Protein backbone atom coordinates (compact mmCIF):
# COMPACT_ATOMS: atom_id res chain seq x y z
CA MET A 1 0.05 -0.16 -0.06
CA LYS A 2 2.86 2.40 0.96
CA ASP A 3 4.68 1.72 -2.60
CA ALA A 4 1.15 2.40 -4.25
CA ALA A 5 0.84 5.59 -2.57
CA THR A 6 4.32 6.65 -3.22
CA ASP A 7 3.80 5.75 -6.91
CA ALA A 8 0.70 7.73 -7.13
CA ALA A 9 2.36 10.69 -5.45
CA ARG A 10 5.18 10.64 -8.05
CA TYR A 11 3.22 10.08 -11.38
CA PRO A 12 0.25 11.88 -12.68
CA ALA A 13 -2.86 9.95 -13.80
CA ARG A 14 -2.43 6.80 -15.74
CA VAL A 15 -4.34 4.33 -17.64
CA PRO A 16 -4.32 0.74 -15.99
CA LEU A 17 -3.06 -1.49 -18.87
CA HIS A 18 -3.90 -5.13 -18.77
CA ASN A 19 -1.57 -8.08 -18.30
CA ARG A 20 -3.47 -10.91 -19.83
CA PRO A 21 -5.28 -11.75 -23.10
CA LEU A 22 -8.83 -10.41 -23.67
CA GLY A 23 -11.51 -12.46 -25.44
CA ILE A 24 -14.07 -10.80 -27.87
CA TRP A 25 -16.84 -10.13 -25.16
CA GLU A 26 -14.08 -8.69 -22.70
CA SER A 27 -12.55 -6.57 -25.59
CA PHE A 28 -15.99 -5.12 -26.43
CA ARG A 29 -16.73 -4.24 -22.81
CA THR A 30 -13.27 -2.71 -22.25
CA GLY A 31 -13.43 -0.91 -25.51
CA ARG A 32 -16.81 0.61 -24.63
CA ARG A 33 -15.37 1.80 -21.30
CA ASN A 34 -12.06 2.92 -22.47
CA VAL A 35 -10.21 2.03 -25.76
CA LEU A 36 -6.73 2.63 -23.98
CA GLU A 37 -7.61 -0.44 -21.67
CA LEU A 38 -7.25 -2.59 -24.72
CA ILE A 39 -3.65 -1.98 -24.78
CA PRO A 40 -1.61 -4.50 -22.90
CA GLU A 41 1.10 -3.13 -20.59
CA ILE A 42 3.80 -5.17 -22.44
CA ALA A 43 3.19 -2.67 -25.43
CA THR A 44 5.11 -0.07 -23.30
CA ARG A 45 8.05 -2.49 -23.65
CA GLN A 46 8.08 -4.28 -26.85
CA PRO A 47 8.40 -2.79 -30.57
CA ILE A 48 5.36 -4.80 -31.69
CA ILE A 49 2.72 -7.16 -30.49
CA SER A 50 0.10 -9.02 -32.59
CA GLY A 51 -2.92 -11.25 -32.13
CA ARG A 52 -6.27 -12.18 -33.34
CA THR A 53 -9.81 -11.15 -32.44
CA VAL A 54 -11.53 -12.58 -35.55
CA LYS A 55 -9.22 -10.34 -37.42
CA ARG A 56 -5.36 -10.22 -37.34
CA TRP A 57 -4.02 -7.43 -35.54
CA HIS A 58 -0.79 -5.49 -34.80
CA MET A 59 0.15 -2.99 -32.29
CA VAL A 60 3.12 -1.11 -33.34
CA MET A 61 5.61 0.90 -31.05
CA ASP A 62 8.85 1.24 -33.05
CA PRO A 63 9.62 4.62 -34.69
CA ASP A 64 11.14 3.12 -37.73
CA ALA A 65 8.14 0.99 -38.32
CA ASN A 66 5.79 4.10 -37.66
CA ARG A 67 7.89 6.00 -40.14
CA ARG A 68 7.07 3.30 -42.82
CA ILE A 69 3.30 3.25 -42.07
CA LEU A 70 2.98 6.94 -41.77
CA LYS A 71 5.57 8.28 -44.46
CA ASP A 72 7.32 5.69 -46.51
CA ALA A 73 4.36 3.29 -47.32
CA VAL A 74 1.59 5.44 -46.45
CA GLU A 75 -0.65 4.32 -49.63
CA SER A 76 -0.36 0.73 -48.28
CA TYR A 77 -1.85 1.75 -44.86
CA PRO A 78 -5.06 3.58 -45.44
CA LYS A 79 -7.22 4.52 -42.26
CA SER A 80 -9.20 1.77 -40.86
CA ASP A 81 -12.83 0.95 -41.53
CA VAL A 82 -13.65 1.62 -37.98
CA THR A 83 -12.09 4.92 -38.08
CA LYS A 84 -14.14 5.90 -41.09
CA LEU A 85 -17.49 4.35 -39.56
CA ILE A 86 -17.08 6.52 -36.46
CA LEU A 87 -16.04 9.91 -38.09
CA ASN A 88 -17.75 9.95 -41.44
CA PRO A 89 -21.19 10.66 -40.08
CA ALA A 90 -20.00 14.02 -38.73
CA ILE A 91 -17.22 15.20 -41.14
CA GLY A 92 -18.00 13.20 -44.37
CA ASP A 93 -15.10 12.33 -46.66
CA SER A 94 -13.12 15.46 -45.47
CA LEU A 95 -9.29 15.49 -45.34
CA PHE A 96 -9.21 13.80 -42.11
CA ILE A 97 -10.63 10.59 -43.64
CA ALA A 98 -10.42 10.93 -47.38
CA GLU A 99 -7.89 8.70 -49.24
CA GLY A 100 -5.89 8.75 -52.37
CA ALA A 101 -6.69 11.23 -55.17
CA HIS A 102 -9.46 12.72 -53.20
CA TRP A 103 -7.36 13.37 -50.21
CA HIS A 104 -4.43 14.60 -52.17
CA TRP A 105 -6.25 17.27 -54.00
CA GLN A 106 -7.88 18.54 -50.84
CA ARG A 107 -4.70 18.67 -49.11
CA ARG A 108 -3.02 20.61 -51.90
CA ALA A 109 -5.85 23.28 -52.01
CA ALA A 110 -6.00 23.60 -48.11
CA ALA A 111 -2.38 23.55 -47.30
CA PRO A 112 -1.85 27.32 -48.03
CA VAL A 113 -4.76 27.99 -45.65
CA PHE A 114 -2.62 26.90 -42.78
CA SER A 115 0.63 28.66 -43.80
CA PRO A 116 2.43 30.46 -40.88
CA ARG A 117 1.45 33.83 -42.31
CA HIS A 118 -2.24 32.98 -42.04
CA VAL A 119 -2.12 31.01 -38.78
CA GLN A 120 -0.28 34.06 -37.05
CA ALA A 121 -2.90 36.31 -38.61
CA LEU A 122 -5.48 34.38 -36.52
CA ALA A 123 -3.57 34.85 -33.15
CA PRO A 124 -5.45 37.97 -32.16
CA VAL A 125 -8.62 35.71 -31.82
CA MET A 126 -6.65 33.41 -29.57
CA THR A 127 -5.41 36.43 -27.32
CA ALA A 128 -8.95 37.92 -27.05
CA ALA A 129 -10.33 34.21 -25.97
CA ALA A 130 -7.59 33.92 -23.48
CA GLU A 131 -8.60 37.33 -22.02
CA ARG A 132 -12.26 36.23 -21.74
CA ALA A 133 -11.21 33.04 -20.07
CA CYS A 134 -9.30 35.16 -17.29
CA ASP A 135 -12.35 37.07 -16.89
CA ARG A 136 -14.56 34.06 -16.16
CA LEU A 137 -11.95 32.37 -13.95
CA THR A 138 -11.46 35.69 -12.12
CA ARG A 139 -15.11 35.29 -11.05
CA GLN A 140 -14.33 31.81 -9.66
CA ALA A 141 -11.25 32.66 -7.67
CA GLY A 142 -11.03 31.04 -4.36
CA ARG A 143 -13.29 28.07 -5.72
CA ALA A 144 -13.02 24.84 -7.39
CA ALA A 145 -13.67 24.81 -11.17
CA ASP A 146 -13.84 22.08 -13.90
CA LEU A 147 -10.86 23.56 -16.00
CA PHE A 148 -11.83 21.23 -18.93
CA GLU A 149 -15.30 22.59 -19.33
CA GLU A 150 -13.51 26.03 -19.20
CA MET A 151 -10.91 25.18 -21.77
CA VAL A 152 -13.65 23.73 -23.96
CA ALA A 153 -15.57 27.10 -23.84
CA THR A 154 -12.48 28.85 -24.55
CA THR A 155 -11.20 26.83 -27.56
CA PHE A 156 -14.63 26.74 -29.08
CA GLU A 157 -14.76 30.58 -29.04
CA VAL A 158 -11.50 30.42 -31.06
CA ILE A 159 -12.56 27.84 -33.57
CA SER A 160 -15.87 29.55 -34.00
CA ASP A 161 -14.35 32.95 -34.52
CA VAL A 162 -11.71 31.83 -36.96
CA THR A 163 -14.12 29.65 -38.99
CA PHE A 164 -17.42 31.63 -39.12
CA SER A 165 -16.22 35.02 -37.77
CA GLY A 166 -19.23 36.87 -39.76
CA GLY A 167 -21.82 34.97 -37.85
CA GLU A 168 -24.29 34.37 -40.63
CA GLY A 169 -26.93 32.89 -38.46
CA PHE A 170 -24.61 30.09 -37.46
CA ASP A 171 -25.96 28.65 -34.28
CA ARG A 172 -22.77 28.00 -32.21
CA ASP A 173 -24.50 26.47 -29.18
CA ALA A 174 -26.33 24.07 -31.50
CA VAL A 175 -23.11 22.99 -33.13
CA HIS A 176 -21.50 22.44 -29.80
CA HIS A 177 -24.36 20.41 -28.69
CA ALA A 178 -24.42 18.28 -31.90
CA ILE A 179 -20.64 17.60 -31.53
CA ASP A 180 -20.90 16.63 -27.99
CA ALA A 181 -23.63 14.24 -28.61
CA PHE A 182 -21.70 12.76 -31.27
CA ILE A 183 -18.58 12.19 -29.32
CA ALA A 184 -20.34 10.99 -26.24
CA GLY A 185 -22.48 8.33 -27.91
CA SER A 186 -21.75 7.55 -31.55
CA ALA A 187 -18.04 7.42 -31.26
CA ARG A 188 -17.86 4.39 -28.81
CA VAL A 189 -16.46 1.24 -30.05
CA SER A 190 -19.26 -1.40 -31.19
CA LEU A 191 -19.19 -5.07 -30.71
CA LEU A 192 -19.64 -5.21 -34.51
CA ASP A 193 -16.23 -3.21 -34.85
CA ILE A 194 -14.40 -5.75 -32.48
CA ILE A 195 -15.47 -8.76 -34.59
CA GLY A 196 -14.72 -7.06 -37.94
CA ALA A 197 -18.16 -6.80 -39.33
CA PRO A 198 -18.46 -5.20 -42.73
CA MET A 199 -19.06 -1.46 -42.84
CA TRP A 200 -22.48 -1.73 -44.44
CA VAL A 201 -23.81 -3.44 -41.32
CA PRO A 202 -25.48 -0.67 -39.16
CA ARG A 203 -24.10 0.19 -35.88
CA PRO A 204 -27.37 1.10 -33.74
CA SER A 205 -25.49 3.30 -31.35
CA ARG A 206 -24.35 5.47 -34.14
CA LEU A 207 -27.95 6.22 -35.35
CA PHE A 208 -29.04 8.44 -32.45
CA ALA A 209 -27.12 11.47 -33.37
CA ALA A 210 -28.16 11.69 -36.89
CA ARG A 211 -30.85 14.30 -36.36
CA ASP A 212 -28.46 16.82 -34.57
CA LEU A 213 -25.70 16.10 -37.26
CA ALA A 214 -28.05 16.82 -40.14
CA ALA A 215 -29.30 20.02 -38.55
CA MET A 216 -25.68 21.02 -38.11
CA LYS A 217 -24.66 20.24 -41.63
CA ALA A 218 -27.70 22.14 -42.99
CA MET A 219 -26.73 25.22 -40.93
CA ALA A 220 -23.09 25.03 -42.16
CA ASP A 221 -24.27 24.67 -45.88
CA ALA A 222 -26.47 27.89 -45.38
CA ALA A 223 -23.59 29.73 -43.79
CA ILE A 224 -21.26 28.88 -46.67
CA ASP A 225 -23.87 29.86 -49.45
CA ARG A 226 -24.44 33.19 -47.68
CA ARG A 227 -20.75 33.88 -47.57
CA ARG A 228 -20.23 33.12 -51.17
CA GLN A 229 -22.89 35.70 -51.91
CA THR A 230 -22.14 38.45 -49.57
CA GLY A 231 -18.56 38.05 -48.80
CA LYS A 232 -17.25 39.36 -45.39
CA PRO A 233 -14.83 42.43 -44.66
CA GLY A 234 -11.92 42.37 -42.49
CA VAL A 235 -9.27 39.70 -41.87
CA PRO A 236 -10.29 36.41 -43.78
CA ASP A 237 -11.22 33.72 -41.68
CA LEU A 238 -11.05 29.79 -42.28
CA LEU A 239 -14.19 30.01 -44.50
CA ASP A 240 -12.81 32.81 -46.51
CA LEU A 241 -9.53 31.20 -47.10
CA LEU A 242 -10.96 27.89 -48.01
CA LEU A 243 -13.50 29.47 -50.36
CA GLN A 244 -10.66 31.10 -52.21
CA ALA A 245 -8.32 27.86 -52.12
CA GLN A 246 -7.82 25.83 -55.25
CA ASP A 247 -5.85 22.79 -56.15
CA PRO A 248 -2.46 24.36 -57.73
CA GLN A 249 -2.24 21.37 -60.12
CA THR A 250 -6.01 21.46 -61.48
CA GLY A 251 -7.44 24.65 -60.43
CA ARG A 252 -10.54 22.80 -58.91
CA ARG A 253 -12.20 24.38 -55.95
CA MET A 254 -14.30 22.79 -52.89
CA THR A 255 -17.85 22.22 -53.43
CA THR A 256 -20.37 23.31 -50.64
CA GLN A 257 -20.29 19.77 -49.33
CA GLU A 258 -16.62 19.78 -49.36
CA LEU A 259 -16.22 22.97 -47.71
CA ARG A 260 -18.65 22.07 -45.12
CA ASP A 261 -17.26 18.62 -44.20
CA ASN A 262 -13.68 20.11 -43.91
CA LEU A 263 -14.78 23.24 -41.72
CA LEU A 264 -16.79 20.78 -39.52
CA ALA A 265 -13.65 18.64 -39.24
CA PHE A 266 -11.61 21.69 -38.29
CA ILE A 267 -14.43 22.66 -35.78
CA VAL A 268 -14.54 18.98 -34.15
CA ALA A 269 -10.70 18.61 -34.17
CA GLY A 270 -9.68 22.35 -33.66
CA HIS A 271 -11.48 22.92 -30.27
CA GLU A 272 -11.74 19.44 -28.79
CA THR A 273 -7.97 18.55 -29.00
CA THR A 274 -6.74 21.92 -27.91
CA ALA A 275 -9.00 22.17 -25.03
CA LEU A 276 -7.91 18.76 -23.92
CA THR A 277 -4.17 19.81 -24.30
CA LEU A 278 -4.95 22.84 -22.25
CA ALA A 279 -7.04 21.01 -19.45
CA TRP A 280 -4.47 18.27 -18.93
CA ALA A 281 -1.60 20.83 -18.98
CA LEU A 282 -3.26 22.86 -16.10
CA TYR A 283 -3.71 19.40 -14.24
CA LEU A 284 0.07 18.73 -14.70
CA CYS A 285 1.15 22.19 -13.60
CA ALA A 286 -1.22 21.76 -10.42
CA PHE A 287 0.38 18.21 -9.97
CA ASP A 288 3.86 19.75 -10.02
CA PRO A 289 3.87 23.20 -8.21
CA ASP A 290 7.49 23.71 -8.85
CA VAL A 291 7.03 23.43 -12.61
CA GLN A 292 4.10 25.75 -12.27
CA ASP A 293 5.99 28.28 -10.43
CA ARG A 294 8.78 28.35 -12.98
CA ALA A 295 6.20 28.73 -15.80
CA ARG A 296 4.43 31.59 -13.95
CA ALA A 297 7.59 33.52 -13.59
CA GLU A 298 8.52 33.13 -17.26
CA SER A 299 5.02 34.32 -18.39
CA GLN A 300 4.82 37.12 -15.82
CA ALA A 301 8.26 38.36 -17.19
CA ALA A 302 7.18 38.10 -20.78
CA LEU A 303 3.59 39.50 -20.49
CA GLN A 304 3.90 41.99 -17.95
CA GLY A 305 0.17 41.69 -16.90
CA ARG A 306 -1.44 41.45 -20.38
CA ALA A 307 -2.60 38.41 -22.50
CA ALA A 308 -0.03 36.61 -24.51
CA THR A 309 0.35 37.28 -28.29
CA VAL A 310 2.07 35.49 -31.14
CA ALA A 311 4.94 37.93 -30.63
CA ASP A 312 5.63 36.51 -27.18
CA LEU A 313 6.01 32.95 -28.20
CA PRO A 314 9.93 33.06 -28.60
CA ASN A 315 10.00 34.25 -24.99
CA LEU A 316 7.86 31.36 -23.58
CA PRO A 317 10.14 28.21 -24.10
CA LEU A 318 9.02 26.45 -20.68
CA THR A 319 5.40 27.10 -21.65
CA ARG A 320 5.92 25.34 -25.01
CA ARG A 321 7.75 22.49 -23.31
CA ILE A 322 4.83 21.89 -20.97
CA VAL A 323 2.39 21.88 -23.93
CA ASP A 324 4.76 19.21 -25.53
CA GLU A 325 5.15 16.96 -22.52
CA THR A 326 1.35 17.03 -22.13
CA LEU A 327 0.80 15.98 -25.66
CA ARG A 328 3.35 13.21 -24.77
CA LEU A 329 1.54 12.03 -21.73
CA TYR A 330 -1.92 12.65 -22.81
CA PRO A 331 -2.04 12.72 -26.56
CA PRO A 332 -5.54 13.73 -27.72
CA ALA A 333 -5.35 11.30 -30.62
CA ALA A 334 -4.10 8.48 -28.52
CA PHE A 335 -4.83 5.48 -30.80
CA LEU A 336 -4.34 5.53 -34.54
CA SER A 337 -5.63 2.45 -36.68
CA ARG A 338 -4.84 1.55 -40.24
CA THR A 339 -5.89 -1.50 -42.38
CA ALA A 340 -2.96 -2.97 -44.28
CA ARG A 341 -3.54 -3.02 -48.16
CA ALA A 342 -0.50 -5.22 -49.22
CA HIS A 343 2.00 -7.65 -47.92
CA ASP A 344 4.68 -6.05 -45.90
CA THR A 345 7.10 -6.69 -43.03
CA LEU A 346 7.39 -4.59 -39.76
CA CYS A 347 9.83 -5.15 -37.10
CA GLY A 348 10.50 -8.56 -38.81
CA ARG A 349 6.82 -9.65 -38.86
CA GLU A 350 4.67 -10.48 -41.66
CA ILE A 351 1.72 -8.03 -42.37
CA ARG A 352 -0.83 -9.48 -44.57
CA PRO A 353 -3.53 -7.52 -46.66
CA GLY A 354 -6.58 -6.98 -44.30
CA ASP A 355 -4.78 -6.83 -41.18
CA THR A 356 -5.39 -4.21 -38.67
CA VAL A 357 -2.34 -2.20 -37.86
CA MET A 358 -2.76 -0.17 -34.80
CA LEU A 359 -0.32 2.78 -33.64
CA PRO A 360 -1.18 3.05 -29.78
CA ILE A 361 0.19 6.65 -29.45
CA TYR A 362 -0.40 6.32 -25.71
CA ALA A 363 1.88 3.41 -25.34
CA LEU A 364 4.49 4.77 -27.86
CA HIS A 365 4.80 8.02 -25.72
CA ARG A 366 5.32 6.05 -22.73
CA HIS A 367 7.78 3.24 -23.90
CA HIS A 368 10.49 2.28 -21.82
CA MET A 369 12.85 1.88 -24.56
CA LEU A 370 12.29 5.20 -25.99
CA TRP A 371 11.68 7.47 -22.96
CA GLU A 372 13.43 7.68 -19.58
CA ASP A 373 11.14 7.18 -16.65
CA PRO A 374 8.24 7.50 -19.08
CA ASP A 375 5.37 8.02 -16.66
CA ARG A 376 6.86 10.94 -14.91
CA PHE A 377 5.92 14.49 -15.99
CA ASP A 378 9.12 16.39 -17.00
CA PRO A 379 8.87 19.13 -19.48
CA ASP A 380 12.66 19.51 -19.63
CA ARG A 381 12.86 16.28 -21.63
CA PHE A 382 12.07 18.56 -24.48
CA VAL A 383 14.91 21.10 -24.05
CA GLU A 384 16.61 19.44 -27.04
CA PRO A 385 13.81 18.51 -29.07
CA ASP A 386 15.94 17.53 -32.04
CA ARG A 387 17.29 14.57 -30.11
CA ILE A 388 14.05 12.94 -29.98
CA ASP A 389 13.23 10.48 -32.93
CA ARG A 390 10.57 12.29 -35.19
CA PHE A 391 8.47 9.13 -35.04
CA ALA A 392 8.70 8.39 -31.23
CA PHE A 393 6.72 11.48 -30.70
CA LEU A 394 3.36 11.59 -32.70
CA PRO A 395 0.88 13.86 -31.14
CA PHE A 396 -0.28 15.12 -34.43
CA GLY A 397 0.61 12.00 -36.62
CA GLY A 398 3.39 12.06 -39.12
CA GLY A 399 4.30 11.91 -42.63
CA PRO A 400 2.17 13.63 -45.57
CA ARG A 401 -0.84 13.09 -43.42
CA ILE A 402 0.35 14.77 -40.46
CA CYS A 403 -2.42 17.00 -38.89
CA ILE A 404 -2.70 20.15 -41.03
CA GLY A 405 -3.66 22.38 -38.10
CA ALA A 406 -0.79 21.40 -35.82
CA SER A 407 0.87 24.77 -35.82
CA PHE A 408 -2.44 26.46 -35.19
CA ALA A 409 -3.17 24.21 -32.20
CA LEU A 410 0.29 24.66 -30.63
CA GLN A 411 0.10 28.50 -31.16
CA GLU A 412 -3.35 28.52 -29.39
CA ALA A 413 -2.20 26.31 -26.56
CA VAL A 414 0.77 28.40 -25.72
CA ILE A 415 -0.99 31.67 -25.89
CA VAL A 416 -3.82 30.44 -23.72
CA LEU A 417 -1.57 28.58 -21.17
CA ALA A 418 0.79 31.29 -20.67
CA THR A 419 -1.94 33.93 -20.03
CA LEU A 420 -3.57 31.71 -17.46
CA LEU A 421 -0.39 30.81 -15.66
CA SER A 422 0.54 34.53 -15.44
CA ARG A 423 -2.62 35.51 -13.53
CA PHE A 424 -3.66 32.44 -11.69
CA ARG A 425 -2.38 29.57 -9.27
CA PHE A 426 -3.85 26.25 -9.92
CA SER A 427 -3.95 23.50 -7.21
CA ALA A 428 -5.27 19.92 -7.03
CA ILE A 429 -8.43 18.95 -5.26
CA PRO A 430 -7.78 15.75 -3.13
CA GLY A 431 -9.76 12.93 -4.39
CA ARG A 432 -10.75 14.52 -7.75
CA GLU A 433 -7.85 13.27 -9.99
CA PRO A 434 -9.04 12.84 -13.56
CA ARG A 435 -9.20 9.43 -15.15
CA PRO A 436 -7.78 9.31 -18.72
CA VAL A 437 -10.53 7.74 -20.99
CA LEU A 438 -10.41 7.44 -24.85
CA ILE A 439 -13.54 7.73 -26.89
CA VAL A 440 -12.48 9.48 -29.92
CA THR A 441 -10.01 11.57 -27.99
CA LEU A 442 -8.21 11.33 -24.76
CA ARG A 443 -10.62 12.94 -22.19
CA PRO A 444 -10.42 13.43 -18.50
CA GLU A 445 -13.41 11.51 -17.14
CA GLY A 446 -15.10 13.54 -14.46
CA GLY A 447 -13.44 16.72 -15.78
CA VAL A 448 -10.27 18.55 -14.33
CA TRP A 449 -11.30 20.06 -11.10
CA LEU A 450 -8.79 22.57 -9.57
CA ARG A 451 -8.74 25.28 -7.24
CA ILE A 452 -8.05 28.75 -8.72
CA GLU A 453 -6.39 31.50 -6.79
CA PRO A 454 -4.91 34.84 -8.04
CA ALA A 455 -1.27 34.55 -8.83
């Protein structure tokens, strides 16, 4: 008991990984509860493990094999059918799940939208949202608050303002409700997924959010059509930039449906993942007050009482390292899944067409052969990031399909985190430690409850 208590005091919240084989029914129950609990503990110590649950599967934790899956042989490892089944109802055949030529042309058209110049131009929206978050937290000073909910509100403000900044009758609350309902119910693993049932077999749990999703899509279509007709003055938002975007090879532009699917993908991914990163980062800062004090001193010296801007980022290296270490310990996209299309060999093991190839990013980021004391919170392991194998740290994926909004998310996370740490002190609430649970993203079950005090 004493060792367990000492271990809990040393390490932040972790997922209990199993040490024995799971059958089909137990895999289903475990996956419904928490997908990460499907990962065996040995995955944090071996480069690859394989098995069969009706279909053959492989979990890969080796950087060189990850490089092959995500970069060198990417066309041989498309996203899995389960991934497409879960996400397609909400974001269609957008960049996130499209394959082949359809993905290539969308990526070519959208890449300039996320150029450094455009991402930096959107930073004032992030600064303003950070200021409003401080106003809300000031009213809760001296009390406990759920920082996950607060960060969801903050990042949803940002993604709404940079996506549909003109308003156009776009009901943000309705969109937020539809996304939450989709993630909470439709995105859970089905028994039919576990046994490898064909994609055309309906998953009953994914039918209930259809009405909300249909309303959200109709609202987005109307907003896009209005913007096409009337335009919008001022700094271009993501909708403006995508309306102007075209494939440099063919000149093709996105249809209303393609625009809508990609905008909804950016909304779903662009606020949920950054909110999670910020909430987990604040939890970790409360877990380690010494790191929090160092980061506060850094941000106060850089900001001098104001909210952070994009110009401050070079002066916030520790804050950025906290974000990176948070993404290592609690990667929002903690589990990637691919379906092998061709015969291959990974880590000396045969891969056959139809095999499921999984990249459990959670296990990769806590692998004992890749990271020293991997479960420990240590932002300073990123002091020399070039020494870390590019395919050992994959919070945004890797290769040509790396997350197109990675620089946007990192910029937003550092701006908001530095602003909050410069003005507040966050402390843990005994007995309210969050539990990491993966549905679509790695969420803190029960929220991130912290006590807030003025700095």
